[in-house]
């Protein structure tokens, strides 16, 4: 019972595999026809390579054995039962090998190689025993061999099979051995070349489609990150400045109007940045990003202190660090409840480090009125890394991925002195040449920092 059950299961699996292969073949054929109709309608060339070749493309070549079958049917062959059994065995093995040849897993099995060996023995026996039209089974054997053996051993096997066909044909047919040997070699090599080329074309087509999908996915990820970083920071600045304008309006109308003017400027710049983010041509400057950060911090009642040392960085480094400043300051304004935020940029050894530190203790309370201009970004000694309190958020996760792709790193967590710290590090590129020591502070309140080149295509644009 168990043996019958196992046989039944194997037959069921075989039927399921054959059904799946036929369904896949029909799907490929439908896709090719659809692509061809679309190409005819639009005038574009057909990009789909079409359905793959199948075993049915090799079956018509069995007609080469019709001469042997005719001799057998007309009684011109001695020992017809032996010839008939040999013909049946060869055709059965040929059909089996043809269907196995188009399935990579079955093609590489040992059983397929054994079928080829048995075919070779049957072909030699029939050719030596009968000669004449039975010699044409050698080209058929070459077709089956070329369909199965498409690797580096094909050349040696093809030459050996050609030599065998030439020897047997010379023994039975004399000078006709040249035609048999030539047909055997040609059928072996051409079949292998055509099927290998077809398989390579389909693999290249599949790889191109995969690369296209990956490019679309990368572009979607880039756009989602840009949109998050742009709108998150911009909306925070607009909210903070609106609250400041509301509080200032009853007692200082001019200051409230100044905040409203800033809101209009930020909104217009946000529209420009979003349009540029869609097309992927955004440029950024770390100096102007620091200036924008200080403006947002002062509007939220947080005193900004910026320290920057070294020469100008490369555009790629400035772009990435600009994203860090934008995200870290946005989270300070939103969540920290801090009164002081220190931003420090230093270049040491072969790495550049940016830290953003606040002295907050939790979620921000109702923001106080904006600080007076008497709290500018003043020079300070280099401080510990600093940043927002939104540890593990989507923005910080996206920044971590950006920096990791450039060989850098991002860490965020509570500061030993209290508050929260974000630290970003990047390897120095050819355009990054930090100076020997700390230089003057570069803060929006104290004046622009060192000149900065344009950012990368996905870098934040200065506000």
Protein backbone atom coordinates (compact mmCIF):
# COMPACT_ATOMS: atom_id res chain seq x y z
CA UNK A 1 0.00 0.00 0.00
CA UNK A 2 2.75 2.44 0.91
CA UNK A 3 4.52 1.73 -2.40
CA UNK A 4 1.32 2.37 -4.37
CA UNK A 5 0.68 5.54 -2.37
CA UNK A 6 4.20 6.81 -3.11
CA UNK A 7 3.76 6.05 -6.82
CA UNK A 8 0.41 7.86 -6.83
CA UNK A 9 1.96 10.91 -5.12
CA UNK A 10 4.83 11.03 -7.64
CA UNK A 11 2.41 10.83 -10.53
CA UNK A 12 0.29 13.61 -9.00
CA UNK A 13 3.37 15.81 -8.53
CA UNK A 14 4.42 15.15 -12.11
CA UNK A 15 0.99 16.14 -13.40
CA UNK A 16 1.03 19.28 -11.26
CA UNK A 17 4.48 20.25 -12.57
CA UNK A 18 3.44 19.68 -16.17
CA UNK A 19 0.27 21.72 -15.61
CA UNK A 20 2.30 24.56 -14.07
CA UNK A 21 4.76 24.54 -16.98
CA UNK A 22 1.96 24.63 -19.52
CA UNK A 23 0.27 27.48 -17.64
CA UNK A 24 3.53 29.44 -17.53
CA UNK A 25 4.09 28.84 -21.23
CA UNK A 26 0.57 30.05 -22.06
CA UNK A 27 1.05 33.12 -19.84
CA UNK A 28 4.32 33.98 -21.59
CA UNK A 29 2.67 33.57 -24.97
CA UNK A 30 -0.25 35.83 -23.98
CA UNK A 31 2.14 38.47 -22.63
CA UNK A 32 4.15 38.38 -25.85
CA UNK A 33 1.06 38.75 -28.01
CA UNK A 34 -0.18 41.63 -25.87
CA UNK A 35 3.20 43.39 -26.10
CA UNK A 36 3.28 42.86 -29.85
CA UNK A 37 -0.19 44.35 -30.29
CA UNK A 38 0.75 47.33 -28.15
CA UNK A 39 3.96 47.80 -30.12
CA UNK A 40 2.05 47.75 -33.40
CA UNK A 41 -0.40 50.34 -32.07
CA UNK A 42 2.29 52.69 -30.74
CA UNK A 43 5.00 52.01 -33.31
CA UNK A 44 7.53 51.04 -30.64
CA UNK A 45 9.71 47.90 -30.92
CA UNK A 46 8.67 44.83 -28.97
CA UNK A 47 10.71 44.67 -25.75
CA UNK A 48 9.45 41.30 -24.55
CA UNK A 49 11.63 38.41 -25.80
CA UNK A 50 8.52 36.27 -26.23
CA UNK A 51 7.72 32.84 -24.89
CA UNK A 52 10.71 30.60 -24.25
CA UNK A 53 11.44 27.67 -26.57
CA UNK A 54 9.93 24.39 -25.47
CA UNK A 55 10.44 20.70 -26.14
CA UNK A 56 7.90 20.91 -28.97
CA UNK A 57 10.51 22.81 -31.00
CA UNK A 58 12.72 19.68 -30.99
CA UNK A 59 10.06 17.05 -31.67
CA UNK A 60 9.64 17.73 -35.44
CA UNK A 61 13.25 16.63 -35.96
CA UNK A 62 12.14 13.08 -35.27
CA UNK A 63 11.03 13.06 -38.89
CA UNK A 64 14.69 12.41 -39.74
CA UNK A 65 14.03 8.86 -38.60
CA UNK A 66 11.21 8.34 -41.08
CA UNK A 67 13.60 6.58 -43.47
CA UNK A 68 14.38 3.92 -40.88
CA UNK A 69 10.69 3.58 -40.04
CA UNK A 70 9.87 3.20 -43.75
CA UNK A 71 12.46 0.44 -44.15
CA UNK A 72 11.09 -1.29 -41.09
CA UNK A 73 7.47 -0.97 -42.28
CA UNK A 74 8.29 -2.27 -45.79
CA UNK A 75 10.10 -5.29 -44.41
CA UNK A 76 13.50 -4.26 -45.77
CA UNK A 77 15.13 -4.53 -42.35
CA UNK A 78 16.39 -7.88 -41.03
CA UNK A 79 15.21 -8.81 -37.54
CA UNK A 80 12.37 -6.24 -37.64
CA UNK A 81 11.40 -6.85 -33.99
CA UNK A 82 14.84 -5.77 -32.83
CA UNK A 83 14.72 -2.73 -35.11
CA UNK A 84 11.20 -1.84 -33.96
CA UNK A 85 12.10 -2.10 -30.29
CA UNK A 86 15.26 -0.04 -30.87
CA UNK A 87 13.27 2.62 -32.73
CA UNK A 88 10.68 2.76 -29.95
CA UNK A 89 13.33 3.02 -27.24
CA UNK A 90 15.26 5.78 -29.07
CA UNK A 91 12.13 7.86 -29.77
CA UNK A 92 10.92 7.48 -26.19
CA UNK A 93 14.29 8.54 -24.76
CA UNK A 94 14.51 11.44 -27.23
CA UNK A 95 11.08 12.78 -26.21
CA UNK A 96 11.94 12.40 -22.52
CA UNK A 97 15.29 14.17 -22.89
CA UNK A 98 13.68 16.95 -24.98
CA UNK A 99 11.20 17.76 -22.22
CA UNK A 100 13.88 17.55 -19.53
CA UNK A 101 16.20 19.87 -21.47
CA UNK A 102 13.98 22.91 -20.94
CA UNK A 103 13.75 22.53 -17.17
CA UNK A 104 17.07 23.52 -15.57
CA UNK A 105 16.61 21.41 -12.47
CA UNK A 106 15.66 18.25 -14.40
CA UNK A 107 18.25 18.96 -17.10
CA UNK A 108 21.09 18.82 -14.58
CA UNK A 109 19.98 15.58 -12.93
CA UNK A 110 22.01 12.40 -13.33
CA UNK A 111 19.02 10.55 -14.77
CA UNK A 112 19.01 12.90 -17.78
CA UNK A 113 22.68 12.16 -18.44
CA UNK A 114 21.96 8.44 -18.18
CA UNK A 115 19.19 8.81 -20.76
CA UNK A 116 21.72 10.38 -23.14
CA UNK A 117 24.15 7.52 -22.57
CA UNK A 118 21.44 4.95 -23.27
CA UNK A 119 20.44 6.87 -26.40
CA UNK A 120 24.05 6.77 -27.55
CA UNK A 121 24.27 3.00 -27.04
CA UNK A 122 20.98 2.40 -28.87
CA UNK A 123 22.08 4.69 -31.73
CA UNK A 124 25.41 2.88 -32.12
CA UNK A 125 23.71 -0.53 -32.04
CA UNK A 126 21.11 0.40 -34.67
CA UNK A 127 23.66 2.17 -36.88
CA UNK A 128 26.16 -0.70 -36.78
CA UNK A 129 23.46 -3.33 -37.22
CA UNK A 130 21.51 -1.73 -40.07
CA UNK A 131 23.45 1.25 -41.50
CA UNK A 132 21.83 3.30 -44.29
CA UNK A 133 19.05 5.60 -43.07
CA UNK A 134 19.58 4.38 -39.49
CA UNK A 135 22.77 6.43 -39.41
CA UNK A 136 20.67 9.61 -39.26
CA UNK A 137 19.94 8.90 -35.62
CA UNK A 138 23.38 10.37 -34.86
CA UNK A 139 22.27 13.95 -35.74
CA UNK A 140 19.18 13.38 -33.59
CA UNK A 141 21.45 12.28 -30.75
CA UNK A 142 23.44 15.48 -31.33
CA UNK A 143 20.28 17.58 -31.01
CA UNK A 144 19.43 15.97 -27.68
CA UNK A 145 23.01 16.32 -26.46
CA UNK A 146 23.21 20.01 -27.39
CA UNK A 147 19.89 20.71 -25.68
CA UNK A 148 21.06 19.13 -22.42
CA UNK A 149 24.78 19.96 -22.27
CA UNK A 150 25.13 23.75 -22.55
CA UNK A 151 28.10 24.16 -20.23
CA UNK A 152 31.87 24.17 -20.64
CA UNK A 153 31.99 20.43 -21.35
CA UNK A 154 29.88 20.74 -24.49
CA UNK A 155 32.87 21.20 -26.83
CA UNK A 156 34.64 18.03 -25.75
CA UNK A 157 31.43 15.97 -25.73
CA UNK A 158 30.43 17.33 -29.16
CA UNK A 159 33.80 16.44 -30.70
CA UNK A 160 33.72 12.97 -29.15
CA UNK A 161 30.18 12.37 -30.44
CA UNK A 162 31.20 13.60 -33.91
CA UNK A 163 34.19 11.26 -33.96
CA UNK A 164 31.97 8.35 -32.89
CA UNK A 165 29.43 9.16 -35.62
CA UNK A 166 32.22 9.41 -38.21
CA UNK A 167 33.73 6.07 -37.18
CA UNK A 168 30.45 4.16 -37.22
CA UNK A 169 29.33 5.80 -40.47
CA UNK A 170 32.64 5.03 -42.14
CA UNK A 171 32.27 1.41 -41.11
CA UNK A 172 28.72 1.18 -42.52
CA UNK A 173 28.42 3.87 -45.18
CA UNK A 174 31.85 4.69 -46.54
CA UNK A 175 32.20 8.28 -47.76
CA UNK A 176 28.72 9.12 -46.49
CA UNK A 177 30.38 9.31 -43.06
CA UNK A 178 31.44 12.88 -43.85
CA UNK A 179 27.81 14.05 -44.11
CA UNK A 180 26.79 12.17 -40.95
CA UNK A 181 29.72 13.54 -38.95
CA UNK A 182 29.11 17.09 -40.19
CA UNK A 183 25.38 16.88 -39.41
CA UNK A 184 26.06 15.49 -35.94
CA UNK A 185 28.56 18.23 -35.06
CA UNK A 186 26.36 20.99 -36.49
CA UNK A 187 23.18 19.82 -34.76
CA UNK A 188 24.98 19.55 -31.40
CA UNK A 189 26.65 22.96 -31.45
CA UNK A 190 23.88 24.98 -33.11
CA UNK A 191 21.19 23.60 -30.81
CA UNK A 192 23.26 24.40 -27.72
CA UNK A 193 24.12 27.90 -29.02
CA UNK A 194 20.53 28.82 -29.89
CA UNK A 195 19.06 27.55 -26.63
CA UNK A 196 21.82 29.14 -24.53
CA UNK A 197 21.36 32.46 -26.31
CA UNK A 198 17.60 32.34 -25.82
CA UNK A 199 18.03 31.58 -22.13
CA UNK A 200 20.59 34.39 -21.72
CA UNK A 201 18.31 36.90 -23.44
CA UNK A 202 15.43 36.02 -21.14
CA UNK A 203 17.65 36.25 -18.06
CA UNK A 204 18.94 39.66 -19.18
CA UNK A 205 15.38 40.83 -19.80
CA UNK A 206 14.34 39.66 -16.32
CA UNK A 207 17.41 41.37 -14.79
CA UNK A 208 16.58 44.62 -16.60
CA UNK A 209 13.03 44.54 -15.28
CA UNK A 210 14.32 43.84 -11.77
CA UNK A 211 16.76 46.76 -11.98
CA UNK A 212 13.96 49.01 -13.23
CA UNK A 213 11.76 48.00 -10.27
CA UNK A 214 14.63 48.62 -7.86
CA UNK A 215 15.25 52.05 -9.38
CA UNK A 216 11.58 52.94 -8.91
CA UNK A 217 11.70 51.72 -5.31
CA UNK A 218 14.85 53.76 -4.60
CA UNK A 219 13.25 56.85 -6.10
CA UNK A 220 10.14 56.36 -4.00
CA UNK A 221 12.27 56.00 -0.88
CA UNK A 222 14.25 59.13 -1.79
CA UNK A 223 11.11 61.14 -2.34
CA UNK A 224 9.46 59.92 0.88
CA UNK A 225 12.56 60.82 2.89
CA UNK A 226 12.84 64.24 1.26
CA UNK A 227 9.17 64.96 1.80
CA UNK A 228 9.31 63.89 5.45
CA UNK A 229 12.38 65.97 6.21
CA UNK A 230 11.15 68.99 4.26
CA UNK A 231 7.59 69.17 5.55
CA UNK A 232 8.41 68.08 9.09
CA UNK A 233 10.88 70.90 9.58
CA UNK A 234 8.90 73.48 7.63
CA UNK A 235 5.62 72.81 9.43
CA UNK A 236 7.37 72.98 12.81
CA UNK A 237 8.85 76.36 11.94
CA UNK A 238 5.49 77.67 10.71
CA UNK A 239 3.69 76.48 13.86
CA UNK A 240 6.32 77.97 16.19
CA UNK A 241 6.38 81.30 14.37
CA UNK A 242 2.56 81.43 14.26
CA UNK A 243 2.37 80.92 18.03
CA UNK A 244 5.02 83.57 18.51
CA UNK A 245 3.10 85.99 16.29
CA UNK A 246 -0.11 85.32 18.23
CA UNK A 247 1.59 86.08 21.55
CA UNK A 248 3.38 89.17 20.25
CA UNK A 249 0.37 90.72 18.50
CA UNK A 250 -1.30 92.29 21.60
CA UNK A 251 1.86 94.10 22.83
CA UNK A 252 4.27 94.37 19.86
CA UNK A 253 2.57 94.54 16.48
CA UNK A 254 5.79 95.18 14.55
CA UNK A 255 7.44 92.05 15.97
CA UNK A 256 4.31 90.02 15.19
CA UNK A 257 4.35 91.29 11.60
CA UNK A 258 8.00 90.31 11.34
CA UNK A 259 7.10 86.75 12.41
CA UNK A 260 4.26 86.66 9.88
CA UNK A 261 6.66 87.82 7.18
CA UNK A 262 8.97 84.97 8.14
CA UNK A 263 6.03 82.54 7.89
CA UNK A 264 5.30 83.75 4.37
CA UNK A 265 8.96 83.39 3.40
CA UNK A 266 9.17 79.89 4.86
CA UNK A 267 5.97 78.83 3.07
CA UNK A 268 7.19 80.11 -0.30
CA UNK A 269 10.54 78.41 0.15
CA UNK A 270 8.79 75.16 1.11
CA UNK A 271 6.84 75.22 -2.14
CA UNK A 272 10.08 75.67 -4.08
CA UNK A 273 11.79 72.85 -2.19
CA UNK A 274 8.90 70.46 -2.74
CA UNK A 275 8.92 71.14 -6.47
CA UNK A 276 12.68 70.56 -6.56
CA UNK A 277 12.36 67.39 -4.47
CA UNK A 278 9.93 65.98 -7.03
CA UNK A 279 12.41 66.51 -9.86
CA UNK A 280 15.42 65.46 -7.76
CA UNK A 281 17.45 68.66 -8.34
CA UNK A 282 17.58 70.06 -4.83
CA UNK A 283 20.77 71.75 -3.69
CA UNK A 284 21.80 72.66 -0.16
CA UNK A 285 24.26 74.70 1.87
CA UNK A 286 25.17 73.75 5.43
CA UNK A 287 25.81 77.39 6.37
CA UNK A 288 22.34 78.51 5.31
CA UNK A 289 20.82 75.41 6.91
CA UNK A 290 22.45 76.42 10.20
CA UNK A 291 21.07 79.91 9.74
CA UNK A 292 17.57 78.55 9.22
CA UNK A 293 17.96 76.28 12.27
CA UNK A 294 18.96 79.20 14.50
CA UNK A 295 15.97 81.20 13.28
CA UNK A 296 13.60 78.36 14.15
CA UNK A 297 15.22 77.83 17.56
CA UNK A 298 14.99 81.52 18.50
CA UNK A 299 11.35 81.62 17.45
CA UNK A 300 10.70 78.67 19.80
CA UNK A 301 12.46 80.36 22.72
CA UNK A 302 15.59 78.19 22.47
CA UNK A 303 18.98 79.92 22.52
CA UNK A 304 21.13 78.53 19.68
CA UNK A 305 24.92 78.25 19.94
CA UNK A 306 26.82 77.15 16.84
CA UNK A 307 30.51 76.21 16.73
CA UNK A 308 32.13 75.28 13.44
CA UNK A 309 35.77 74.49 12.77
CA UNK A 310 37.61 73.57 9.61
CA UNK A 311 37.55 74.38 5.93
CA UNK A 312 34.51 73.98 3.66
CA UNK A 313 33.30 70.41 3.24
CA UNK A 314 32.45 68.64 0.02
CA UNK A 315 28.97 69.11 -1.40
CA UNK A 316 27.95 65.54 -0.52
CA UNK A 317 29.05 65.92 3.10
CA UNK A 318 27.30 69.28 3.40
CA UNK A 319 24.12 67.79 1.98
CA UNK A 320 24.05 64.91 4.47
CA UNK A 321 24.96 67.07 7.47
CA UNK A 322 22.32 69.59 6.39
CA UNK A 323 19.71 66.83 6.70
CA UNK A 324 20.96 66.03 10.20
CA UNK A 325 20.77 69.68 11.30
CA UNK A 326 17.27 69.99 9.88
CA UNK A 327 15.92 66.84 11.56
CA UNK A 328 17.67 67.37 14.90
CA UNK A 329 16.57 70.99 15.26
CA UNK A 330 13.04 70.10 14.22
CA UNK A 331 12.83 67.58 17.05
CA UNK A 332 14.36 70.04 19.53
CA UNK A 333 11.63 72.54 18.66
CA UNK A 334 8.90 69.91 18.81
CA UNK A 335 9.78 67.71 21.76
CA UNK A 336 12.65 68.87 23.93
CA UNK A 337 11.30 71.77 26.02
CA UNK A 338 14.89 73.02 26.05
CA UNK A 339 16.22 76.53 26.57
CA UNK A 340 19.60 75.94 24.93
CA UNK A 341 20.69 74.05 21.81
CA UNK A 342 24.35 73.65 20.91
CA UNK A 343 25.40 72.70 17.36
CA UNK A 344 29.05 71.76 16.90
CA UNK A 345 30.83 70.80 13.67
CA UNK A 346 34.41 69.55 13.91
CA UNK A 347 36.82 67.79 11.58
CA UNK A 348 39.32 65.43 13.17
CA UNK A 349 41.67 62.87 11.65
CA UNK A 350 39.79 61.38 8.71
CA UNK A 351 36.23 62.02 9.89
CA UNK A 352 33.96 65.00 10.31
CA UNK A 353 31.55 65.10 13.27
CA UNK A 354 28.35 67.07 13.78
CA UNK A 355 26.68 67.14 17.20
CA UNK A 356 23.40 68.72 18.25
CA UNK A 357 22.76 68.90 22.03
CA UNK A 358 19.85 70.37 23.96
CA UNK A 359 19.29 70.77 27.70
CA UNK A 360 15.65 69.75 27.62
CA UNK A 361 14.04 67.30 30.00
CA UNK A 362 11.05 66.01 28.08
CA UNK A 363 8.18 67.13 25.84
CA UNK A 364 8.16 70.83 25.16
CA UNK A 365 5.70 72.89 27.20
CA UNK A 366 3.78 75.81 25.78
CA UNK A 367 6.52 77.79 24.02
CA UNK A 368 7.41 81.15 25.49
CA UNK A 369 7.68 84.31 23.49
CA UNK A 370 10.58 84.31 21.08
CA UNK A 371 13.92 85.33 22.42
CA UNK A 372 15.07 88.81 21.80
CA UNK A 373 17.95 89.38 19.45
CA UNK A 374 20.14 89.54 22.55
CA UNK A 375 20.45 85.70 22.47
CA UNK A 376 22.47 85.24 19.31
CA UNK A 377 24.41 82.23 18.18
CA UNK A 378 27.58 82.97 20.07
CA UNK A 379 30.89 81.17 19.88
CA UNK A 380 31.35 78.36 22.29
CA UNK A 381 33.78 75.64 23.10
CA UNK A 382 33.12 72.42 21.30
CA UNK A 383 30.21 70.69 22.93
CA UNK A 384 29.05 67.12 23.13
CA UNK A 385 26.90 65.74 20.37
CA UNK A 386 23.38 66.98 20.52
CA UNK A 387 19.95 66.58 19.08
CA UNK A 388 16.27 66.00 19.48
CA UNK A 389 14.34 63.88 21.89
CA UNK A 390 12.48 61.90 19.27
CA UNK A 391 14.80 58.91 19.48
CA UNK A 392 14.07 56.17 17.00
CA UNK A 393 11.62 58.18 14.92
CA UNK A 394 11.14 57.89 11.20
CA UNK A 395 13.37 60.91 10.54
CA UNK A 396 16.32 59.61 12.54
CA UNK A 397 15.92 56.17 10.99
CA UNK A 398 16.02 57.65 7.50
CA UNK A 399 19.07 59.74 8.40
CA UNK A 400 20.82 56.66 9.76
CA UNK A 401 20.26 54.91 6.42
CA UNK A 402 21.51 57.95 4.46
CA UNK A 403 24.71 58.24 6.50
CA UNK A 404 25.34 54.49 6.49
CA UNK A 405 25.16 54.49 2.69
CA UNK A 406 27.93 57.14 2.68
CA UNK A 407 30.10 55.21 5.17
CA UNK A 408 29.03 57.32 8.15
CA UNK A 409 27.01 56.75 11.29
CA UNK A 410 24.31 58.40 13.40
CA UNK A 411 23.73 57.94 17.13
CA UNK A 412 21.01 59.49 19.28
CA UNK A 413 20.26 59.26 22.99
CA UNK A 414 20.22 61.05 26.36
CA UNK A 415 23.18 63.31 27.04
CA UNK A 416 25.31 62.75 30.18
CA UNK A 417 24.72 66.42 31.09
CA UNK A 418 20.97 66.07 30.61
CA UNK A 419 18.89 66.65 27.55
CA UNK A 420 19.32 64.78 24.29
CA UNK A 421 22.22 64.28 21.88
CA UNK A 422 22.44 63.45 18.19
CA UNK A 423 25.89 62.68 16.77
CA UNK A 424 26.59 62.29 13.05
CA UNK A 425 29.95 61.22 11.66
CA UNK A 426 31.11 61.04 8.04
CA UNK A 427 34.41 60.05 6.43
CA UNK A 428 36.29 62.94 4.89
CA UNK A 429 36.12 63.02 1.10
CA UNK A 430 38.60 64.58 -1.28
CA UNK A 431 36.86 67.93 -0.91
CA UNK A 432 36.76 67.79 2.90
CA UNK A 433 39.84 69.52 4.31
CA UNK A 434 39.26 70.43 7.95
CA UNK A 435 41.53 72.97 9.55
CA UNK A 436 43.99 72.27 12.34
CA UNK A 437 41.73 73.42 15.16
CA UNK A 438 38.49 75.09 16.18
CA UNK A 439 37.72 78.24 14.30
CA UNK A 440 35.25 81.02 14.93
CA UNK A 441 31.66 80.14 15.54
CA UNK A 442 29.35 80.17 12.56
CA UNK A 443 25.88 81.01 13.74
CA UNK A 444 22.99 82.75 12.12
CA UNK A 445 23.03 85.39 14.76
CA UNK A 446 26.72 86.02 14.44
CA UNK A 447 27.09 85.81 10.69
CA UNK A 448 27.44 83.10 8.10
CA UNK A 449 29.82 80.21 8.49
CA UNK A 450 32.38 79.06 5.97
CA UNK A 451 31.34 79.04 2.40
CA UNK A 452 29.56 75.90 1.32
CA UNK A 453 29.20 74.43 -2.10
CA UNK A 454 25.98 73.15 -3.55
CA UNK A 455 24.59 69.97 -2.14
CA UNK A 456 23.80 66.69 -3.73
CA UNK A 457 20.69 66.04 -5.75
CA UNK A 458 18.70 65.09 -2.66
CA UNK A 459 20.21 67.57 -0.25
CA UNK A 460 18.12 70.11 1.68
CA UNK A 461 17.95 73.53 0.15
CA UNK A 462 18.69 76.59 2.25
CA UNK A 463 15.75 78.55 3.48
